[in-house]
Protein backbone atom coordinates (compact mmCIF):
# COMPACT_ATOMS: atom_id res chain seq x y z
CA MET A 1 -0.81 -1.28 22.79
CA LYS A 2 -2.21 -3.13 25.73
CA ARG A 3 -2.10 -6.82 26.25
CA LEU A 4 -5.22 -8.81 26.30
CA MET A 5 -6.11 -12.75 26.86
CA THR A 6 -8.80 -14.58 25.09
CA ALA A 7 -10.24 -17.88 25.55
CA ALA A 8 -11.89 -19.54 22.15
CA ALA A 9 -14.56 -16.68 21.55
CA ALA A 10 -14.85 -15.61 25.11
CA LEU A 11 -12.57 -13.62 27.03
CA THR A 12 -11.80 -14.51 30.67
CA ALA A 13 -9.81 -12.54 33.47
CA SER A 14 -6.29 -13.22 34.36
CA ALA A 15 -4.16 -11.10 36.83
CA GLY A 16 -2.08 -8.50 35.28
CA TYR A 17 -4.55 -8.44 32.22
CA CYS A 18 -6.98 -5.91 31.04
CA VAL A 19 -10.05 -7.77 29.62
CA GLY A 20 -12.24 -6.09 26.74
CA ASP A 21 -14.96 -7.01 24.17
CA VAL A 22 -15.01 -9.07 21.13
CA LEU A 23 -16.61 -8.18 17.72
CA GLN A 24 -16.70 -11.07 15.94
CA ALA A 25 -16.64 -10.36 11.95
CA ASN A 26 -17.09 -13.55 9.71
CA PRO A 27 -16.23 -16.77 11.22
CA GLY A 28 -15.24 -18.31 8.08
CA PRO A 29 -13.78 -20.69 6.72
CA ALA A 30 -12.68 -18.15 4.18
CA ASN A 31 -12.93 -19.16 0.47
CA ASN A 32 -10.79 -17.34 -1.25
CA GLY A 33 -7.38 -15.37 -0.71
CA GLY A 34 -4.65 -13.38 -2.01
CA SER A 35 -0.69 -13.14 -2.01
CA ALA A 36 1.74 -11.47 -0.14
CA ASN A 37 1.57 -7.39 0.02
CA TRP A 38 -1.87 -7.48 -0.51
CA ALA A 39 -4.48 -5.38 1.49
CA MET A 40 -7.79 -5.86 3.17
CA PHE A 41 -10.00 -2.45 4.06
CA PHE A 42 -12.87 -1.94 6.29
CA ASP A 43 -14.44 0.75 8.18
CA LEU A 44 -14.97 1.03 11.87
CA GLU A 45 -17.61 2.94 13.81
CA ALA A 46 -18.28 3.57 17.82
CA ILE A 47 -21.66 3.64 18.33
CA ALA A 48 -21.78 5.72 21.82
CA SER A 49 -18.77 5.58 23.40
CA PRO A 50 -14.97 6.19 22.30
CA ILE A 51 -13.42 2.87 21.04
CA THR A 52 -9.77 1.24 21.22
CA VAL A 53 -9.02 -1.35 19.13
CA THR A 54 -6.31 -3.06 20.43
CA HIS A 55 -5.97 -7.00 18.95
CA LEU A 56 -7.22 -8.70 16.07
CA THR A 57 -7.38 -12.13 14.31
CA THR A 58 -7.54 -12.56 10.69
CA ALA A 59 -7.65 -15.31 8.47
CA ASN A 60 -4.22 -15.65 6.12
CA THR A 61 -2.57 -18.16 3.87
CA GLY A 62 0.19 -19.14 6.17
CA ALA A 63 1.26 -22.54 6.89
CA ALA A 64 0.34 -23.67 10.65
CA GLY A 65 2.27 -21.62 13.11
CA ALA A 66 4.12 -19.55 10.51
CA GLY A 67 5.14 -16.07 11.52
CA PHE A 68 4.00 -12.96 9.30
CA GLN A 69 3.53 -9.23 9.89
CA VAL A 70 0.72 -6.70 9.29
CA GLU A 71 1.04 -3.30 8.82
CA VAL A 72 -1.74 -0.96 10.29
CA PHE A 73 -3.03 1.87 8.30
CA VAL A 74 -6.13 3.93 8.97
CA ARG A 75 -7.76 7.39 7.44
CA ASP A 76 -10.17 9.68 8.60
CA GLY A 77 -13.26 8.36 6.38
CA SER A 78 -14.36 5.46 4.59
CA ALA A 79 -11.75 3.22 3.28
CA LEU A 80 -13.86 1.49 0.77
CA GLY A 81 -14.57 2.22 -2.92
CA GLY A 82 -13.11 1.19 -6.24
CA PRO A 83 -12.29 0.94 -8.83
CA VAL A 84 -8.65 0.17 -8.89
CA THR A 85 -7.96 3.67 -10.40
CA ALA A 86 -9.99 5.28 -7.82
CA GLY A 87 -11.09 5.35 -4.20
CA PRO A 88 -9.66 5.73 -0.81
CA GLY A 89 -7.00 2.46 -1.32
CA SER A 90 -5.50 4.07 -4.61
CA SER A 91 -3.23 6.03 -2.98
CA LEU A 92 -1.30 6.99 0.36
CA ALA A 93 -2.90 10.30 0.60
CA GLY A 94 -5.04 10.86 3.77
CA TRP A 95 -3.60 7.58 5.35
CA THR A 96 -1.13 7.14 8.30
CA SER A 97 0.74 3.80 8.97
CA LEU A 98 0.10 3.02 12.82
CA GLY A 99 2.97 0.55 12.72
CA ILE A 100 3.77 -3.04 11.92
CA ALA A 101 2.41 -6.02 13.90
CA ASN A 102 4.00 -9.50 14.28
CA ALA A 103 1.77 -12.06 14.07
CA THR A 104 1.43 -15.85 14.15
CA GLN A 105 -0.74 -18.47 12.16
CA GLY A 106 -3.12 -20.54 14.24
CA ALA A 107 -3.44 -24.33 14.24
CA THR A 108 -4.47 -24.57 10.49
CA ALA A 109 -2.78 -23.71 7.48
CA ASN A 110 -4.77 -21.03 5.57
CA GLY A 111 -6.87 -20.23 8.48
CA ILE A 112 -7.21 -17.78 11.29
CA SER A 113 -4.27 -16.49 13.23
CA GLU A 114 -3.57 -16.49 16.68
CA LEU A 115 -4.53 -13.16 18.47
CA ILE A 116 -2.29 -10.30 17.14
CA ASP A 117 -1.38 -7.05 19.26
CA ILE A 118 -1.51 -4.38 17.07
CA PRO A 119 -0.94 -0.72 17.31
CA ASP A 120 -4.08 0.75 18.94
CA ILE A 121 -6.96 1.85 16.36
CA SER A 122 -8.93 4.91 17.99
CA VAL A 123 -12.56 5.54 17.01
CA SER A 124 -14.68 8.33 18.24
CA PRO A 125 -18.46 8.44 18.19
CA GLY A 126 -19.84 9.75 14.75
CA GLN A 127 -16.57 9.08 13.14
CA VAL A 128 -15.93 6.66 10.49
CA ARG A 129 -12.62 5.43 10.55
CA GLY A 130 -10.81 3.76 7.64
CA VAL A 131 -8.70 0.78 8.16
CA ALA A 132 -6.50 -0.93 5.91
CA LEU A 133 -4.29 -4.23 6.63
CA ARG A 134 -1.31 -4.68 4.22
CA PHE A 135 -0.01 -8.63 4.50
CA THR A 136 3.87 -9.33 4.27
CA THR A 137 4.81 -13.08 3.45
CA VAL A 138 1.52 -14.31 3.73
CA GLY A 139 -1.60 -13.15 1.95
CA PRO A 140 -4.98 -12.17 3.35
CA ARG A 141 -7.82 -14.64 3.34
CA TYR A 142 -11.58 -13.77 3.14
CA VAL A 143 -15.04 -14.71 1.94
CA THR A 144 -16.65 -13.41 -1.39
CA GLY A 145 -19.68 -11.61 -0.64
CA THR A 146 -22.38 -10.02 -3.09
CA VAL A 147 -22.80 -6.69 -0.78
CA LEU A 148 -20.72 -5.06 1.54
CA THR A 149 -21.46 -6.72 5.13
CA THR A 150 -21.87 -4.86 8.30
CA TYR A 151 -20.66 -6.78 12.07
CA GLN A 152 -21.89 -4.69 14.95
CA ASP A 153 -22.65 -5.30 18.66
CA SER A 154 -23.78 -2.33 21.07
CA ASN A 155 -20.17 -0.65 21.10
CA LEU A 156 -18.69 -0.86 17.92
CA LYS A 157 -19.68 -1.56 13.80
CA MET A 158 -17.54 -2.90 11.17
CA VAL A 159 -18.43 -2.51 7.36
CA THR A 160 -15.98 -4.64 5.30
CA GLY A 161 -14.70 -4.76 2.89
CA ASP A 162 -12.48 -4.12 -0.25
CA VAL A 163 -8.94 -6.00 -1.35
CA ARG A 164 -6.24 -4.62 -3.12
CA SER A 165 -3.48 -6.42 -4.51
CA ALA A 166 -1.29 -3.32 -5.04
CA PRO A 167 -2.80 -0.92 -2.04
CA PHE A 168 -2.23 2.59 -2.36
CA THR A 169 -1.48 2.50 -5.96
CA THR A 170 -3.34 2.45 -9.18
CA THR A 171 -2.43 -0.71 -10.45
CA GLY A 172 -3.01 -4.67 -9.73
CA SER A 173 -6.52 -5.65 -8.99
CA TYR A 174 -9.48 -4.24 -6.57
CA PHE A 175 -12.06 -6.86 -5.22
CA SER A 176 -15.43 -6.29 -3.58
CA PRO A 177 -17.16 -7.19 -1.58
CA ARG A 178 -14.50 -9.45 0.01
CA LEU A 179 -15.71 -10.12 3.79
CA TYR A 180 -13.26 -9.91 7.01
CA VAL A 181 -12.80 -13.52 8.66
CA GLY A 182 -11.88 -12.78 11.84
CA ALA A 183 -12.60 -10.89 14.99
CA LEU A 184 -11.50 -7.49 16.65
CA THR A 185 -10.81 -6.96 20.66
CA TYR A 186 -11.51 -3.40 21.81
CA GLU A 187 -11.85 -1.49 24.94
CA LEU A 188 -14.56 1.02 25.85
CA GLY A 189 -13.78 4.70 26.68
CA GLY A 190 -10.55 5.32 25.62
CA ALA A 191 -10.01 8.91 25.69
CA THR A 192 -8.75 10.65 22.41
CA GLY A 193 -7.91 13.84 21.29
CA ALA A 194 -5.56 15.79 18.48
CA CYS A 195 -2.08 14.59 17.86
CA CYS A 196 0.39 16.39 15.79
CA LEU A 197 2.80 14.85 13.31
CA ALA A 198 5.57 15.85 11.53
CA SER A 199 5.94 13.46 8.94
CA GLY A 200 3.02 10.80 6.91
CA ALA A 201 -0.22 11.90 4.90
CA SER A 202 -1.45 14.43 7.58
CA ASN A 203 -0.37 16.59 9.99
CA CYS A 204 -3.05 15.87 12.33
CA ILE A 205 -5.04 12.77 13.53
CA VAL A 206 -7.20 11.86 16.32
CA THR A 207 -5.94 9.05 18.22
CA THR A 208 -5.44 8.15 22.21
CA ALA A 209 -2.25 9.48 24.07
CA SER A 210 -0.12 6.50 23.75
CA GLY A 211 -1.12 5.99 19.88
CA CYS A 212 0.44 9.76 19.76
CA THR A 213 3.44 8.79 21.20
CA THR A 214 3.76 5.69 19.50
CA LEU A 215 3.93 7.83 16.47
CA GLY A 216 6.19 10.19 17.50
CA GLY A 217 3.40 12.97 17.66
CA THR A 218 2.61 15.89 19.97
CA TYR A 219 -0.70 15.08 21.96
CA ASN A 220 -2.92 17.93 22.63
CA GLY A 221 -5.19 16.48 25.35
CA ASP A 222 -8.14 14.30 25.84
CA GLY A 223 -11.20 15.71 23.53
CA SER A 224 -9.06 18.10 21.31
CA THR A 225 -9.86 18.29 17.79
CA CYS A 226 -7.69 18.58 14.64
CA ALA A 227 -9.58 21.45 13.68
CA THR A 228 -8.57 23.44 16.82
CA ALA A 229 -5.38 21.89 17.75
CA ASN A 230 -3.28 24.36 15.09
CA CYS A 231 -0.71 21.71 14.36
CA PRO A 232 1.96 23.04 12.39
CA PRO A 233 2.32 22.23 8.84
CA LEU A 234 4.21 19.39 7.58
CA PRO A 235 7.80 20.36 6.41
CA THR A 236 8.66 20.46 2.55
CA GLY A 237 11.76 19.72 0.41
CA ALA A 238 12.98 19.28 -3.01
CA CYS A 239 11.15 16.28 -4.80
CA CYS A 240 13.04 15.01 -7.64
CA ARG A 241 10.98 13.50 -10.31
CA ASN A 242 11.59 10.95 -12.99
CA ASP A 243 11.31 13.01 -15.67
CA GLY A 244 14.20 15.28 -14.36
CA THR A 245 12.09 17.81 -12.50
CA CYS A 246 11.79 18.89 -9.39
CA ASP A 247 9.11 20.53 -7.20
CA VAL A 248 8.71 21.21 -3.34
CA VAL A 249 6.32 19.07 -1.52
CA THR A 250 5.96 16.95 1.67
CA GLN A 251 7.84 13.81 1.84
CA ASN A 252 4.47 12.00 1.58
CA GLN A 253 3.43 13.42 -1.34
CA CYS A 254 6.80 13.02 -2.88
CA THR A 255 7.23 9.25 -2.28
CA THR A 256 3.28 8.38 -3.15
CA THR A 257 3.72 9.82 -6.32
CA GLY A 258 6.80 8.19 -7.34
CA GLY A 259 9.39 10.81 -6.54
CA THR A 260 12.67 10.86 -4.41
CA TYR A 261 12.79 13.26 -1.47
CA ALA A 262 15.60 15.27 -0.77
CA GLY A 263 15.03 15.99 2.40
CA ASN A 264 12.99 18.49 4.53
CA ASN A 265 13.97 22.22 3.67
CA VAL A 266 15.95 21.30 0.75
CA SER A 267 15.76 23.75 -1.97
CA CYS A 268 15.32 22.13 -5.86
CA ALA A 269 18.49 24.23 -6.52
CA ALA A 270 20.43 22.28 -3.93
CA ALA A 271 18.93 18.84 -4.53
CA ASN A 272 21.16 17.82 -7.42
CA CYS A 273 18.39 16.05 -9.18
CA PRO A 274 19.77 13.68 -12.08
CA PRO A 275 19.08 14.66 -15.78
CA ALA A 276 16.74 13.60 -18.02
CA GLY A 277 16.88 12.69 -21.32
CA ALA A 278 15.31 10.36 -24.26
CA CYS A 279 14.20 6.86 -23.04
CA CYS A 280 13.65 5.08 -26.25
CA PHE A 281 11.21 1.99 -26.48
CA PHE A 282 9.94 0.03 -29.35
CA SER A 283 7.73 2.37 -30.76
CA THR A 284 7.56 5.35 -28.10
CA CYS A 285 9.93 7.82 -26.50
CA SER A 286 9.77 9.12 -23.07
CA THR A 287 11.93 11.87 -21.33
CA LEU A 288 13.32 9.91 -18.14
CA THR A 289 16.21 9.99 -15.98
CA SER A 290 18.75 7.11 -16.75
CA ALA A 291 17.37 4.77 -13.45
CA ALA A 292 13.77 5.44 -14.29
CA CYS A 293 14.43 4.41 -18.00
CA THR A 294 16.39 1.27 -17.03
CA ALA A 295 13.73 0.53 -14.55
CA GLN A 296 10.93 0.74 -17.35
CA GLY A 297 13.32 -1.33 -19.78
CA GLY A 298 14.02 1.62 -22.19
CA ALA A 299 17.38 2.60 -24.04
CA TRP A 300 18.83 5.85 -22.52
CA LEU A 301 20.51 8.26 -24.83
CA GLY A 302 22.09 10.25 -22.21
CA ALA A 303 21.53 13.50 -20.20
CA GLY A 304 19.69 16.12 -22.24
CA SER A 305 19.04 14.03 -25.70
CA ALA A 306 15.71 14.04 -27.13
CA CYS A 307 13.25 11.93 -28.32
CA GLY A 308 13.82 12.89 -32.04
CA SER A 309 16.99 11.43 -31.77
CA CYS A 310 15.70 7.76 -31.05
CA PRO A 311 16.87 5.33 -33.50
CA THR A 312 14.48 3.26 -35.52
CA PRO A 313 13.85 -0.57 -35.08
CA TYR A 314 15.39 -2.60 -37.29
CA ALA A 315 13.51 -3.69 -40.14
CA GLU A 316 14.04 -7.47 -41.47
CA THR A 317 14.69 -7.64 -45.11
CA GLY A 318 12.58 -10.53 -47.04
CA ASP A 319 12.22 -13.44 -44.43
CA ALA A 320 15.19 -14.36 -42.20
CA GLY A 321 16.06 -17.75 -42.06
CA ASP A 322 14.91 -20.37 -39.51
CA LEU A 323 18.30 -21.61 -38.58
CA PRO A 324 21.53 -20.15 -37.57
CA ALA A 325 23.18 -20.86 -40.87
CA THR A 326 20.65 -18.63 -42.57
CA ALA A 327 20.10 -16.15 -39.70
CA GLN A 328 19.96 -12.53 -41.04
CA ASN A 329 22.68 -10.12 -40.35
CA VAL A 330 21.28 -6.83 -38.58
CA ASN A 331 23.21 -4.22 -40.08
CA GLY A 332 23.88 -0.86 -38.08
CA SER A 333 25.47 0.51 -35.09
CA GLY A 334 24.21 2.11 -31.90
CA THR A 335 21.33 1.30 -29.68
CA LEU A 336 19.11 -1.49 -31.01
CA ILE A 337 15.51 -1.07 -29.68
CA GLY A 338 13.94 -3.60 -31.72
CA ILE A 339 13.25 -5.60 -34.96
CA THR A 340 10.23 -5.76 -37.17
CA GLY A 341 9.42 -8.36 -39.84
CA THR A 342 7.33 -10.75 -41.29
CA LEU A 343 7.00 -13.15 -38.33
CA THR A 344 3.86 -15.14 -38.25
CA THR A 345 2.18 -18.16 -36.50
CA THR A 346 4.16 -21.32 -36.53
CA ASP A 347 7.04 -19.33 -38.03
CA ALA A 348 10.46 -18.58 -36.85
CA ASP A 349 13.00 -15.91 -37.62
CA MET A 350 16.78 -16.01 -36.52
CA PHE A 351 19.14 -12.74 -36.62
CA LYS A 352 22.71 -12.23 -36.13
CA ILE A 353 23.79 -9.26 -33.77
CA ASP A 354 27.21 -8.25 -33.42
CA LEU A 355 28.33 -6.77 -30.30
């Protein structure tokens, strides 16, 4: 990451600093926003020369002068598209986290941040570089658009944008188009090459030499490509699943699909994955580990138990009383997974449960 100085919309030289260009996206003010851990998605394309984006400003929900963080993710190919259950932003597959940048809100609450020194984003001519910014502590703010919008100068093009409330999952909400409010600061001519990685979603990305070093990778030289770099495959290991099964995959493939990674080169036989058993819900049952069952609010019957052994909900007899003195006793033993009865609108039934 390189230091840049800006003054308002113009960049001025100062001894000891390198001066870059600025691509202004939507100037704002933002008219909508999200919450902490939401992410904004947009695409970058270099027009003729390699580009390195080094800094940015972004609208957010922070109080004036408040500190927050932004995690920067990139992928080869577009970041845009939905719905919430599909599209590049619905999974970490293909994404690489470049790191987390510390940020400070500007002088106006819900306004635009001060200049943020981000991990370098490298963009080569002819390449679409998808970018995601995941906010912590604060949420992103943006302009609600009617179409995806392009902001472009003679060097760099930005297409914006999408927003997800639960990025890299198939849950939450997906909003598009949402226009990025802020600006990108970049440098021209930054040489890029293939960077071999030992972890993450991919074993190779194209970035600058310094960007590769930041990621702990091996740089293959300026102008090199992933197609010719011959990077070694990502290591694999046992992945313990919530249903008690185990398979051997990469760490990224395991954790992004809800598994627990046991370590590189660990076999399933040596992983000692927790056993599964019946996890009983009100009217359904799943085979899960104890931890997964508890997390989902179920009643776990023990290792190796079958769903056929789930108890049935207690059935109300008649109409239970409305007051403690007339409450109906719930007869039975073991796990109580629910009560069925004749509760209707404005009705109140009470039950006594002995523990």
